[in-house]
Amino acid sequence: MAKQDRAVRTRQELIRSAATAFDRSGYALSSLTEISRGAGVSSGALHFHFSSKQALGSAVEESAAQSLGDIIALPPREHPAPLRHLVDTSHVLARRLDEDVVLRAGFGLAADATWMGDVTLWRTWRSWVRTTLTRARQEAALSPDVPIEDAVSAVTAAVVGAQALGRFDVEWSPEYALTQFWNLMLPRISAMAPAE
């Protein structure tokens, strides 16, 4: 049992180390030597768990996809209304992207021209946003004047943009930017917005 636990921990450390390398340098510039060193294991141990860098990248994506699935599966907390749930979930995703290198690297791989993976996390997020906005429309919470696809594009771009800017500007707060986005956007898309 101890060997099995150690193998699971080693695999997770390799995934985390690969994610850190991909996040820092991109897929193409990350080396297996750097990844094994970051995980504190030998090259042989890395190859025992993963046959190639492509296999490691796929494992990072799969782990990130699981994390995203957990985030979007969270039930509405205090506010079951779909728009409130969308706001809350976008904040959870932004916070997790900031804190979780595996999730961040999984999303980053989707934008990496040198990566040829199968998982597209932004597409999964965009689909969840579309489903949530469609539910808001069905519940008459989304203004009838708002095209769903326009709102989907705006929300997806805001989350992507807030996270991207926060990576390269230490003074930029993705959570604050997202709050400001919702302060501006929510009154315009909500069917319950006060008349101007």
N, C-alpha and C. Protein backbone atom coordinates (compact mmCIF):
# COMPACT_ATOMS: atom_id res chain seq x y z
N MET A 1 0.81 -1.20 0.00
CA MET A 1 0.00 0.00 0.00
C MET A 1 0.86 1.26 0.00
N ALA A 2 1.98 1.24 0.74
CA ALA A 2 2.86 2.41 0.80
C ALA A 2 3.46 2.70 -0.56
N LYS A 3 3.83 1.64 -1.32
CA LYS A 3 4.37 1.83 -2.67
C LYS A 3 3.34 2.48 -3.58
N GLN A 4 2.10 2.04 -3.46
CA GLN A 4 1.04 2.58 -4.29
C GLN A 4 0.80 4.05 -3.95
N ASP A 5 0.78 4.39 -2.67
CA ASP A 5 0.62 5.79 -2.25
C ASP A 5 1.77 6.64 -2.77
N ARG A 6 2.98 6.12 -2.68
CA ARG A 6 4.14 6.87 -3.15
C ARG A 6 4.06 7.08 -4.66
N ALA A 7 3.60 6.08 -5.39
CA ALA A 7 3.46 6.19 -6.85
C ALA A 7 2.44 7.27 -7.22
N VAL A 8 1.34 7.31 -6.48
CA VAL A 8 0.31 8.33 -6.73
C VAL A 8 0.88 9.71 -6.43
N ARG A 9 1.59 9.85 -5.31
CA ARG A 9 2.20 11.14 -4.95
C ARG A 9 3.23 11.57 -5.99
N THR A 10 4.04 10.63 -6.45
CA THR A 10 5.06 10.95 -7.46
C THR A 10 4.40 11.42 -8.75
N ARG A 11 3.35 10.73 -9.15
CA ARG A 11 2.63 11.13 -10.37
C ARG A 11 2.07 12.54 -10.22
N GLN A 12 1.47 12.83 -9.07
CA GLN A 12 0.91 14.17 -8.83
C GLN A 12 2.01 15.23 -8.82
N GLU A 13 3.15 14.91 -8.22
CA GLU A 13 4.28 15.86 -8.20
C GLU A 13 4.80 16.12 -9.61
N LEU A 14 4.83 15.09 -10.43
CA LEU A 14 5.27 15.27 -11.82
C LEU A 14 4.29 16.14 -12.59
N ILE A 15 3.00 15.93 -12.37
CA ILE A 15 1.99 16.76 -13.04
C ILE A 15 2.14 18.21 -12.59
N ARG A 16 2.31 18.42 -11.29
CA ARG A 16 2.48 19.79 -10.77
C ARG A 16 3.75 20.43 -11.32
N SER A 17 4.83 19.68 -11.36
CA SER A 17 6.09 20.20 -11.87
C SER A 17 5.98 20.54 -13.36
N ALA A 18 5.32 19.67 -14.12
CA ALA A 18 5.11 19.94 -15.55
C ALA A 18 4.26 21.19 -15.72
N ALA A 19 3.20 21.30 -14.92
CA ALA A 19 2.34 22.48 -15.00
C ALA A 19 3.13 23.75 -14.70
N THR A 20 3.97 23.70 -13.69
CA THR A 20 4.80 24.86 -13.33
C THR A 20 5.71 25.23 -14.49
N ALA A 21 6.33 24.24 -15.10
CA ALA A 21 7.23 24.50 -16.24
C ALA A 21 6.45 25.05 -17.43
N PHE A 22 5.31 24.45 -17.75
CA PHE A 22 4.50 24.92 -18.89
C PHE A 22 4.00 26.33 -18.63
N ASP A 23 3.60 26.60 -17.40
CA ASP A 23 3.08 27.92 -17.04
C ASP A 23 4.17 28.98 -17.16
N ARG A 24 5.37 28.62 -16.76
CA ARG A 24 6.49 29.57 -16.76
C ARG A 24 7.09 29.76 -18.16
N SER A 25 7.30 28.65 -18.88
CA SER A 25 8.09 28.72 -20.12
C SER A 25 7.33 28.32 -21.38
N GLY A 26 6.11 27.81 -21.23
CA GLY A 26 5.40 27.28 -22.38
C GLY A 26 5.76 25.82 -22.60
N TYR A 27 4.96 25.15 -23.39
CA TYR A 27 5.15 23.72 -23.60
C TYR A 27 6.48 23.41 -24.29
N ALA A 28 6.76 24.08 -25.39
CA ALA A 28 7.94 23.74 -26.20
C ALA A 28 9.25 23.94 -25.45
N LEU A 29 9.34 24.97 -24.63
CA LEU A 29 10.60 25.28 -23.95
C LEU A 29 10.79 24.51 -22.64
N SER A 30 9.79 23.78 -22.22
CA SER A 30 9.90 23.00 -20.98
C SER A 30 10.57 21.66 -21.29
N SER A 31 11.55 21.30 -20.47
CA SER A 31 12.26 20.04 -20.71
C SER A 31 11.87 18.99 -19.67
N LEU A 32 11.99 17.74 -20.06
CA LEU A 32 11.71 16.65 -19.13
C LEU A 32 12.69 16.65 -17.97
N THR A 33 13.91 17.06 -18.22
CA THR A 33 14.91 17.17 -17.15
C THR A 33 14.46 18.19 -16.11
N GLU A 34 14.02 19.35 -16.59
CA GLU A 34 13.52 20.40 -15.70
C GLU A 34 12.31 19.90 -14.90
N ILE A 35 11.44 19.17 -15.56
CA ILE A 35 10.22 18.67 -14.91
C ILE A 35 10.56 17.63 -13.85
N SER A 36 11.44 16.68 -14.18
CA SER A 36 11.79 15.66 -13.18
C SER A 36 12.53 16.29 -12.01
N ARG A 37 13.40 17.25 -12.29
CA ARG A 37 14.12 17.95 -11.22
C ARG A 37 13.12 18.70 -10.32
N GLY A 38 12.17 19.38 -10.93
CA GLY A 38 11.16 20.12 -10.16
C GLY A 38 10.32 19.23 -9.27
N ALA A 39 10.11 17.99 -9.71
CA ALA A 39 9.33 17.03 -8.90
C ALA A 39 10.21 16.30 -7.90
N GLY A 40 11.52 16.48 -8.02
CA GLY A 40 12.44 15.81 -7.10
C GLY A 40 12.56 14.32 -7.36
N VAL A 41 12.42 13.92 -8.63
CA VAL A 41 12.53 12.51 -8.98
C VAL A 41 13.51 12.34 -10.13
N SER A 42 13.93 11.12 -10.35
CA SER A 42 14.86 10.82 -11.43
C SER A 42 14.13 10.82 -12.77
N SER A 43 14.92 10.91 -13.82
CA SER A 43 14.37 10.81 -15.18
C SER A 43 13.69 9.45 -15.37
N GLY A 44 14.27 8.42 -14.78
CA GLY A 44 13.67 7.08 -14.87
C GLY A 44 12.29 7.03 -14.22
N ALA A 45 12.14 7.69 -13.08
CA ALA A 45 10.84 7.73 -12.41
C ALA A 45 9.82 8.47 -13.27
N LEU A 46 10.26 9.57 -13.90
CA LEU A 46 9.36 10.31 -14.79
C LEU A 46 8.89 9.39 -15.91
N HIS A 47 9.82 8.68 -16.55
CA HIS A 47 9.45 7.81 -17.67
C HIS A 47 8.67 6.58 -17.24
N PHE A 48 8.76 6.20 -15.98
CA PHE A 48 7.92 5.12 -15.46
C PHE A 48 6.45 5.55 -15.50
N HIS A 49 6.19 6.82 -15.16
CA HIS A 49 4.82 7.33 -15.09
C HIS A 49 4.32 7.89 -16.42
N PHE A 50 5.22 8.51 -17.18
CA PHE A 50 4.82 9.18 -18.42
C PHE A 50 5.80 8.83 -19.54
N SER A 51 5.29 8.37 -20.65
CA SER A 51 6.15 7.93 -21.74
C SER A 51 6.77 9.09 -22.53
N SER A 52 6.18 10.29 -22.40
CA SER A 52 6.66 11.42 -23.19
C SER A 52 6.19 12.73 -22.58
N LYS A 53 6.72 13.82 -23.10
CA LYS A 53 6.26 15.14 -22.66
C LYS A 53 4.80 15.35 -23.08
N GLN A 54 4.43 14.81 -24.23
CA GLN A 54 3.03 14.88 -24.68
C GLN A 54 2.11 14.21 -23.66
N ALA A 55 2.52 13.05 -23.14
CA ALA A 55 1.72 12.35 -22.13
C ALA A 55 1.60 13.19 -20.86
N LEU A 56 2.68 13.86 -20.49
CA LEU A 56 2.64 14.75 -19.31
C LEU A 56 1.70 15.92 -19.56
N GLY A 57 1.78 16.51 -20.75
CA GLY A 57 0.88 17.61 -21.10
C GLY A 57 -0.57 17.18 -21.04
N SER A 58 -0.84 15.99 -21.55
CA SER A 58 -2.21 15.46 -21.50
C SER A 58 -2.67 15.27 -20.07
N ALA A 59 -1.77 14.81 -19.20
CA ALA A 59 -2.12 14.63 -17.79
C ALA A 59 -2.41 15.97 -17.12
N VAL A 60 -1.64 17.00 -17.48
CA VAL A 60 -1.90 18.34 -16.94
C VAL A 60 -3.28 18.80 -17.39
N GLU A 61 -3.57 18.64 -18.68
CA GLU A 61 -4.88 19.04 -19.20
C GLU A 61 -6.02 18.28 -18.52
N GLU A 62 -5.85 16.98 -18.37
CA GLU A 62 -6.90 16.16 -17.74
C GLU A 62 -7.13 16.57 -16.29
N SER A 63 -6.05 16.83 -15.58
CA SER A 63 -6.17 17.27 -14.19
C SER A 63 -6.86 18.64 -14.11
N ALA A 64 -6.48 19.53 -15.02
CA ALA A 64 -7.11 20.85 -15.07
C ALA A 64 -8.58 20.74 -15.44
N ALA A 65 -8.90 19.85 -16.37
CA ALA A 65 -10.30 19.65 -16.77
C ALA A 65 -11.13 19.14 -15.59
N GLN A 66 -10.53 18.26 -14.78
CA GLN A 66 -11.23 17.78 -13.58
C GLN A 66 -11.48 18.93 -12.61
N SER A 67 -10.49 19.78 -12.42
CA SER A 67 -10.66 20.95 -11.53
C SER A 67 -11.74 21.87 -12.05
N LEU A 68 -11.72 22.15 -13.37
CA LEU A 68 -12.76 23.00 -13.95
C LEU A 68 -14.12 22.35 -13.78
N GLY A 69 -14.20 21.05 -14.02
CA GLY A 69 -15.47 20.33 -13.83
C GLY A 69 -15.98 20.46 -12.41
N ASP A 70 -15.07 20.39 -11.44
CA ASP A 70 -15.47 20.56 -10.03
C ASP A 70 -16.00 21.97 -9.78
N ILE A 71 -15.36 22.97 -10.39
CA ILE A 71 -15.78 24.36 -10.20
C ILE A 71 -17.16 24.59 -10.78
N ILE A 72 -17.38 24.16 -12.01
CA ILE A 72 -18.67 24.44 -12.64
C ILE A 72 -19.78 23.53 -12.13
N ALA A 73 -19.41 22.48 -11.41
CA ALA A 73 -20.43 21.60 -10.82
C ALA A 73 -20.86 22.07 -9.44
N LEU A 74 -20.16 23.07 -8.90
CA LEU A 74 -20.53 23.56 -7.57
C LEU A 74 -21.96 24.08 -7.59
N PRO A 75 -22.77 23.68 -6.62
CA PRO A 75 -24.14 24.19 -6.59
C PRO A 75 -24.12 25.67 -6.21
N PRO A 76 -25.14 26.40 -6.64
CA PRO A 76 -25.22 27.81 -6.24
C PRO A 76 -25.16 27.90 -4.72
N ARG A 77 -24.39 28.86 -4.23
CA ARG A 77 -24.25 28.99 -2.78
C ARG A 77 -25.50 29.64 -2.20
N GLU A 78 -25.44 30.90 -2.00
CA GLU A 78 -26.56 31.59 -1.36
C GLU A 78 -27.64 31.99 -2.36
N HIS A 79 -27.24 32.18 -3.60
CA HIS A 79 -28.16 32.70 -4.61
C HIS A 79 -28.35 31.68 -5.72
N PRO A 80 -29.49 31.00 -5.75
CA PRO A 80 -29.71 30.02 -6.81
C PRO A 80 -30.01 30.65 -8.17
N ALA A 81 -30.22 31.98 -8.21
CA ALA A 81 -30.51 32.65 -9.47
C ALA A 81 -29.33 32.46 -10.44
N PRO A 82 -29.62 32.15 -11.70
CA PRO A 82 -28.54 31.83 -12.64
C PRO A 82 -27.52 32.95 -12.84
N LEU A 83 -27.94 34.20 -12.90
CA LEU A 83 -26.96 35.27 -13.09
C LEU A 83 -26.05 35.41 -11.88
N ARG A 84 -26.62 35.29 -10.70
CA ARG A 84 -25.79 35.36 -9.49
C ARG A 84 -24.82 34.17 -9.44
N HIS A 85 -25.31 33.01 -9.85
CA HIS A 85 -24.47 31.82 -9.89
C HIS A 85 -23.32 32.02 -10.89
N LEU A 86 -23.61 32.64 -12.02
CA LEU A 86 -22.58 32.93 -13.02
C LEU A 86 -21.52 33.87 -12.46
N VAL A 87 -21.95 34.92 -11.78
CA VAL A 87 -21.00 35.86 -11.16
C VAL A 87 -20.13 35.13 -10.14
N ASP A 88 -20.77 34.40 -9.24
CA ASP A 88 -20.02 33.69 -8.20
C ASP A 88 -19.03 32.69 -8.79
N THR A 89 -19.47 31.93 -9.78
CA THR A 89 -18.61 30.92 -10.38
C THR A 89 -17.46 31.55 -11.14
N SER A 90 -17.70 32.68 -11.80
CA SER A 90 -16.60 33.35 -12.51
C SER A 90 -15.54 33.81 -11.52
N HIS A 91 -15.96 34.25 -10.34
CA HIS A 91 -15.00 34.65 -9.30
C HIS A 91 -14.23 33.43 -8.76
N VAL A 92 -14.93 32.32 -8.58
CA VAL A 92 -14.25 31.10 -8.12
C VAL A 92 -13.20 30.69 -9.16
N LEU A 93 -13.58 30.70 -10.44
CA LEU A 93 -12.63 30.32 -11.48
C LEU A 93 -11.43 31.27 -11.51
N ALA A 94 -11.68 32.57 -11.43
CA ALA A 94 -10.57 33.54 -11.45
C ALA A 94 -9.63 33.31 -10.27
N ARG A 95 -10.20 33.07 -9.10
CA ARG A 95 -9.38 32.84 -7.90
C ARG A 95 -8.57 31.55 -8.05
N ARG A 96 -9.22 30.50 -8.54
CA ARG A 96 -8.51 29.22 -8.71
C ARG A 96 -7.44 29.31 -9.78
N LEU A 97 -7.69 30.07 -10.85
CA LEU A 97 -6.66 30.25 -11.88
C LEU A 97 -5.44 30.95 -11.30
N ASP A 98 -5.68 31.84 -10.36
CA ASP A 98 -4.58 32.55 -9.71
C ASP A 98 -3.80 31.63 -8.77
N GLU A 99 -4.50 30.73 -8.08
CA GLU A 99 -3.90 29.91 -7.03
C GLU A 99 -3.38 28.55 -7.50
N ASP A 100 -3.98 27.98 -8.52
CA ASP A 100 -3.72 26.59 -8.90
C ASP A 100 -2.94 26.53 -10.21
N VAL A 101 -1.66 26.22 -10.12
CA VAL A 101 -0.80 26.21 -11.30
C VAL A 101 -1.22 25.15 -12.31
N VAL A 102 -1.76 24.03 -11.85
CA VAL A 102 -2.19 22.98 -12.78
C VAL A 102 -3.39 23.47 -13.59
N LEU A 103 -4.36 24.08 -12.94
CA LEU A 103 -5.51 24.63 -13.65
C LEU A 103 -5.07 25.71 -14.63
N ARG A 104 -4.23 26.61 -14.16
CA ARG A 104 -3.74 27.71 -15.00
C ARG A 104 -2.97 27.17 -16.21
N ALA A 105 -2.10 26.19 -15.99
CA ALA A 105 -1.33 25.61 -17.09
C ALA A 105 -2.24 24.88 -18.07
N GLY A 106 -3.28 24.22 -17.56
CA GLY A 106 -4.22 23.55 -18.45
C GLY A 106 -4.90 24.53 -19.38
N PHE A 107 -5.32 25.67 -18.84
CA PHE A 107 -5.91 26.71 -19.68
C PHE A 107 -4.85 27.30 -20.61
N GLY A 108 -3.64 27.47 -20.10
CA GLY A 108 -2.56 28.03 -20.91
C GLY A 108 -2.19 27.15 -22.09
N LEU A 109 -2.24 25.84 -21.91
CA LEU A 109 -1.92 24.93 -23.01
C LEU A 109 -2.87 25.14 -24.19
N ALA A 110 -4.11 25.49 -23.90
CA ALA A 110 -5.08 25.72 -24.97
C ALA A 110 -4.67 26.87 -25.87
N ALA A 111 -3.90 27.81 -25.33
CA ALA A 111 -3.46 28.97 -26.11
C ALA A 111 -2.03 28.82 -26.62
N ASP A 112 -1.40 27.69 -26.34
CA ASP A 112 -0.01 27.46 -26.72
C ASP A 112 0.02 26.83 -28.12
N ALA A 113 0.59 27.55 -29.07
CA ALA A 113 0.62 27.09 -30.46
C ALA A 113 1.43 25.81 -30.64
N THR A 114 2.32 25.51 -29.70
CA THR A 114 3.14 24.31 -29.84
C THR A 114 2.49 23.07 -29.23
N TRP A 115 1.36 23.25 -28.57
CA TRP A 115 0.67 22.14 -27.91
C TRP A 115 -0.43 21.60 -28.81
N MET A 116 -0.51 20.30 -28.92
CA MET A 116 -1.54 19.65 -29.73
C MET A 116 -2.35 18.71 -28.84
N GLY A 117 -3.12 19.28 -27.95
CA GLY A 117 -3.91 18.48 -27.03
C GLY A 117 -5.34 18.30 -27.49
N ASP A 118 -6.07 17.54 -26.72
CA ASP A 118 -7.46 17.23 -27.06
C ASP A 118 -8.47 18.01 -26.23
N VAL A 119 -8.04 18.52 -25.09
CA VAL A 119 -8.96 19.17 -24.16
C VAL A 119 -8.91 20.67 -24.40
N THR A 120 -10.07 21.28 -24.50
CA THR A 120 -10.11 22.74 -24.65
C THR A 120 -10.92 23.31 -23.49
N LEU A 121 -10.22 23.72 -22.47
CA LEU A 121 -10.87 24.16 -21.24
C LEU A 121 -11.69 25.43 -21.45
N TRP A 122 -11.18 26.35 -22.30
CA TRP A 122 -11.97 27.58 -22.52
C TRP A 122 -13.29 27.24 -23.19
N ARG A 123 -13.29 26.25 -24.07
CA ARG A 123 -14.54 25.84 -24.72
C ARG A 123 -15.51 25.26 -23.69
N THR A 124 -14.99 24.49 -22.74
CA THR A 124 -15.82 23.94 -21.67
C THR A 124 -16.41 25.07 -20.83
N TRP A 125 -15.58 26.05 -20.47
CA TRP A 125 -16.05 27.19 -19.69
C TRP A 125 -17.11 27.96 -20.47
N ARG A 126 -16.83 28.24 -21.73
CA ARG A 126 -17.76 29.00 -22.56
C ARG A 126 -19.10 28.26 -22.68
N SER A 127 -19.06 26.95 -22.82
CA SER A 127 -20.28 26.16 -22.90
C SER A 127 -21.09 26.25 -21.61
N TRP A 128 -20.39 26.21 -20.46
CA TRP A 128 -21.08 26.34 -19.18
C TRP A 128 -21.71 27.73 -19.04
N VAL A 129 -20.98 28.76 -19.46
CA VAL A 129 -21.52 30.13 -19.42
C VAL A 129 -22.78 30.20 -20.29
N ARG A 130 -22.73 29.63 -21.49
CA ARG A 130 -23.88 29.64 -22.40
C ARG A 130 -25.07 28.93 -21.75
N THR A 131 -24.84 27.77 -21.16
CA THR A 131 -25.91 27.02 -20.51
C THR A 131 -26.53 27.82 -19.37
N THR A 132 -25.69 28.48 -18.58
CA THR A 132 -26.17 29.27 -17.45
C THR A 132 -26.97 30.48 -17.93
N LEU A 133 -26.49 31.15 -18.97
CA LEU A 133 -27.22 32.30 -19.51
C LEU A 133 -28.53 31.86 -20.18
N THR A 134 -28.53 30.70 -20.79
CA THR A 134 -29.77 30.17 -21.38
C THR A 134 -30.79 29.90 -20.28
N ARG A 135 -30.32 29.34 -19.18
CA ARG A 135 -31.21 29.13 -18.03
C ARG A 135 -31.74 30.46 -17.50
N ALA A 136 -30.87 31.46 -17.45
CA ALA A 136 -31.30 32.79 -17.00
C ALA A 136 -32.38 33.35 -17.93
N ARG A 137 -32.23 33.13 -19.22
CA ARG A 137 -33.24 33.59 -20.18
C ARG A 137 -34.55 32.85 -19.95
N GLN A 138 -34.48 31.53 -19.73
CA GLN A 138 -35.68 30.73 -19.50
C GLN A 138 -36.41 31.15 -18.23
N GLU A 139 -35.64 31.62 -17.24
CA GLU A 139 -36.23 32.06 -15.98
C GLU A 139 -36.56 33.55 -15.99
N ALA A 140 -36.45 34.17 -17.15
CA ALA A 140 -36.73 35.60 -17.34
C ALA A 140 -35.83 36.49 -16.48
N ALA A 141 -34.63 36.01 -16.19
CA ALA A 141 -33.67 36.81 -15.42
C ALA A 141 -32.73 37.58 -16.34
N LEU A 142 -32.57 37.11 -17.57
CA LEU A 142 -31.71 37.77 -18.55
C LEU A 142 -32.58 38.68 -19.41
N SER A 143 -32.15 39.90 -19.57
CA SER A 143 -32.91 40.85 -20.38
C SER A 143 -33.17 40.28 -21.77
N PRO A 144 -34.40 40.42 -22.27
CA PRO A 144 -34.71 39.89 -23.60
C PRO A 144 -33.94 40.61 -24.71
N ASP A 145 -33.40 41.79 -24.40
CA ASP A 145 -32.63 42.56 -25.39
C ASP A 145 -31.19 42.08 -25.54
N VAL A 146 -30.76 41.19 -24.67
CA VAL A 146 -29.37 40.74 -24.67
C VAL A 146 -29.23 39.44 -25.46
N PRO A 147 -28.50 39.48 -26.57
CA PRO A 147 -28.23 38.24 -27.29
C PRO A 147 -27.32 37.33 -26.43
N ILE A 148 -27.72 36.11 -26.25
CA ILE A 148 -26.97 35.20 -25.39
C ILE A 148 -25.52 35.06 -25.85
N GLU A 149 -25.29 34.90 -27.14
CA GLU A 149 -23.91 34.72 -27.62
C GLU A 149 -23.05 35.95 -27.36
N ASP A 150 -23.63 37.14 -27.40
CA ASP A 150 -22.86 38.35 -27.07
C ASP A 150 -22.45 38.33 -25.61
N ALA A 151 -23.37 37.94 -24.76
CA ALA A 151 -23.06 37.87 -23.32
C ALA A 151 -22.03 36.77 -23.04
N VAL A 152 -22.15 35.64 -23.72
CA VAL A 152 -21.18 34.55 -23.56
C VAL A 152 -19.78 35.04 -23.94
N SER A 153 -19.68 35.73 -25.06
CA SER A 153 -18.38 36.25 -25.51
C SER A 153 -17.81 37.24 -24.50
N ALA A 154 -18.64 38.14 -24.00
CA ALA A 154 -18.17 39.15 -23.05
C ALA A 154 -17.69 38.51 -21.75
N VAL A 155 -18.46 37.58 -21.22
CA VAL A 155 -18.08 36.93 -19.96
C VAL A 155 -16.80 36.11 -20.14
N THR A 156 -16.72 35.34 -21.21
CA THR A 156 -15.53 34.53 -21.45
C THR A 156 -14.30 35.42 -21.60
N ALA A 157 -14.43 36.48 -22.39
CA ALA A 157 -13.30 37.40 -22.60
C ALA A 157 -12.90 38.10 -21.31
N ALA A 158 -13.87 38.45 -20.47
CA ALA A 158 -13.55 39.12 -19.21
C ALA A 158 -12.75 38.22 -18.28
N VAL A 159 -13.15 36.96 -18.17
CA VAL A 159 -12.42 36.03 -17.30
C VAL A 159 -11.02 35.77 -17.86
N VAL A 160 -10.94 35.51 -19.16
CA VAL A 160 -9.64 35.28 -19.80
C VAL A 160 -8.75 36.51 -19.65
N GLY A 161 -9.30 37.67 -19.95
CA GLY A 161 -8.52 38.90 -19.89
C GLY A 161 -8.07 39.25 -18.49
N ALA A 162 -8.95 39.11 -17.53
CA ALA A 162 -8.58 39.42 -16.14
C ALA A 162 -7.44 38.52 -15.68
N GLN A 163 -7.51 37.25 -16.03
CA GLN A 163 -6.46 36.32 -15.64
C GLN A 163 -5.16 36.62 -16.37
N ALA A 164 -5.24 36.88 -17.66
CA ALA A 164 -4.03 37.13 -18.46
C ALA A 164 -3.32 38.39 -18.00
N LEU A 165 -4.06 39.45 -17.77
CA LEU A 165 -3.44 40.70 -17.33
C LEU A 165 -2.82 40.56 -15.95
N GLY A 166 -3.47 39.80 -15.09
CA GLY A 166 -2.94 39.59 -13.74
C GLY A 166 -1.63 38.82 -13.72
N ARG A 167 -1.40 38.01 -14.74
CA ARG A 167 -0.15 37.23 -14.81
C ARG A 167 1.06 38.11 -15.07
N PHE A 168 0.85 39.20 -15.78
CA PHE A 168 1.99 40.00 -16.22
C PHE A 168 2.07 41.38 -15.57
N ASP A 169 1.12 41.70 -14.71
CA ASP A 169 1.13 43.00 -14.04
C ASP A 169 0.80 42.76 -12.57
N VAL A 170 1.80 42.89 -11.71
CA VAL A 170 1.59 42.58 -10.29
C VAL A 170 0.62 43.55 -9.62
N GLU A 171 0.40 44.70 -10.22
CA GLU A 171 -0.54 45.66 -9.65
C GLU A 171 -1.98 45.39 -10.09
N TRP A 172 -2.15 44.53 -11.06
CA TRP A 172 -3.48 44.21 -11.58
C TRP A 172 -4.09 43.11 -10.73
N SER A 173 -5.30 43.32 -10.26
CA SER A 173 -6.00 42.32 -9.47
C SER A 173 -7.11 41.70 -10.33
N PRO A 174 -6.96 40.43 -10.73
CA PRO A 174 -8.00 39.80 -11.54
C PRO A 174 -9.36 39.80 -10.85
N GLU A 175 -9.37 39.57 -9.54
CA GLU A 175 -10.67 39.55 -8.84
C GLU A 175 -11.32 40.93 -8.82
N TYR A 176 -10.51 41.96 -8.58
CA TYR A 176 -11.05 43.32 -8.59
C TYR A 176 -11.56 43.66 -10.00
N ALA A 177 -10.79 43.32 -11.02
CA ALA A 177 -11.19 43.60 -12.40
C ALA A 177 -12.50 42.89 -12.73
N LEU A 178 -12.63 41.65 -12.28
CA LEU A 178 -13.85 40.90 -12.54
C LEU A 178 -15.04 41.50 -11.79
N THR A 179 -14.80 41.96 -10.57
CA THR A 179 -15.87 42.63 -9.81
C THR A 179 -16.32 43.88 -10.56
N GLN A 180 -15.36 44.66 -11.05
CA GLN A 180 -15.71 45.88 -11.80
C GLN A 180 -16.46 45.53 -13.09
N PHE A 181 -16.04 44.46 -13.76
CA PHE A 181 -16.73 44.01 -14.95
C PHE A 181 -18.19 43.70 -14.63
N TRP A 182 -18.42 42.94 -13.56
CA TRP A 182 -19.79 42.57 -13.20
C TRP A 182 -20.59 43.78 -12.73
N ASN A 183 -19.95 44.71 -12.04
CA ASN A 183 -20.66 45.93 -11.64
C ASN A 183 -21.16 46.70 -12.86
N LEU A 184 -20.40 46.67 -13.91
CA LEU A 184 -20.78 47.35 -15.15
C LEU A 184 -21.78 46.51 -15.95
N MET A 185 -21.52 45.22 -16.05
CA MET A 185 -22.27 44.34 -16.94
C MET A 185 -23.62 43.89 -16.39
N LEU A 186 -23.66 43.51 -15.12
CA LEU A 186 -24.87 42.90 -14.56
C LEU A 186 -26.12 43.78 -14.72
N PRO A 187 -26.05 45.08 -14.43
CA PRO A 187 -27.25 45.89 -14.62
C PRO A 187 -27.72 45.95 -16.08
N ARG A 188 -26.82 45.75 -17.00
CA ARG A 188 -27.16 45.84 -18.42
C ARG A 188 -27.74 44.54 -18.97
N ILE A 189 -27.42 43.43 -18.35
CA ILE A 189 -27.95 42.16 -18.89
C ILE A 189 -29.10 41.61 -18.07
N SER A 190 -29.28 42.12 -16.88
CA SER A 190 -30.32 41.59 -15.99
C SER A 190 -31.69 42.12 -16.38
N ALA A 191 -32.66 41.22 -16.42
CA ALA A 191 -34.04 41.63 -16.69
C ALA A 191 -34.61 42.40 -15.51
N MET A 192 -33.98 42.25 -14.34
CA MET A 192 -34.46 42.92 -13.14
C MET A 192 -33.80 44.28 -12.94
N ALA A 193 -33.04 44.74 -13.92
CA ALA A 193 -32.34 46.01 -13.77
C ALA A 193 -33.34 47.15 -13.64
N PRO A 194 -33.04 48.14 -12.80
CA PRO A 194 -33.95 49.27 -12.66
C PRO A 194 -34.00 50.08 -13.96
N ALA A 195 -35.14 50.64 -14.23
CA ALA A 195 -35.30 51.47 -15.43
C ALA A 195 -34.44 52.71 -15.31
N GLU A 196 -33.85 53.11 -16.44
CA GLU A 196 -32.99 54.30 -16.43
C GLU A 196 -33.77 55.53 -16.80
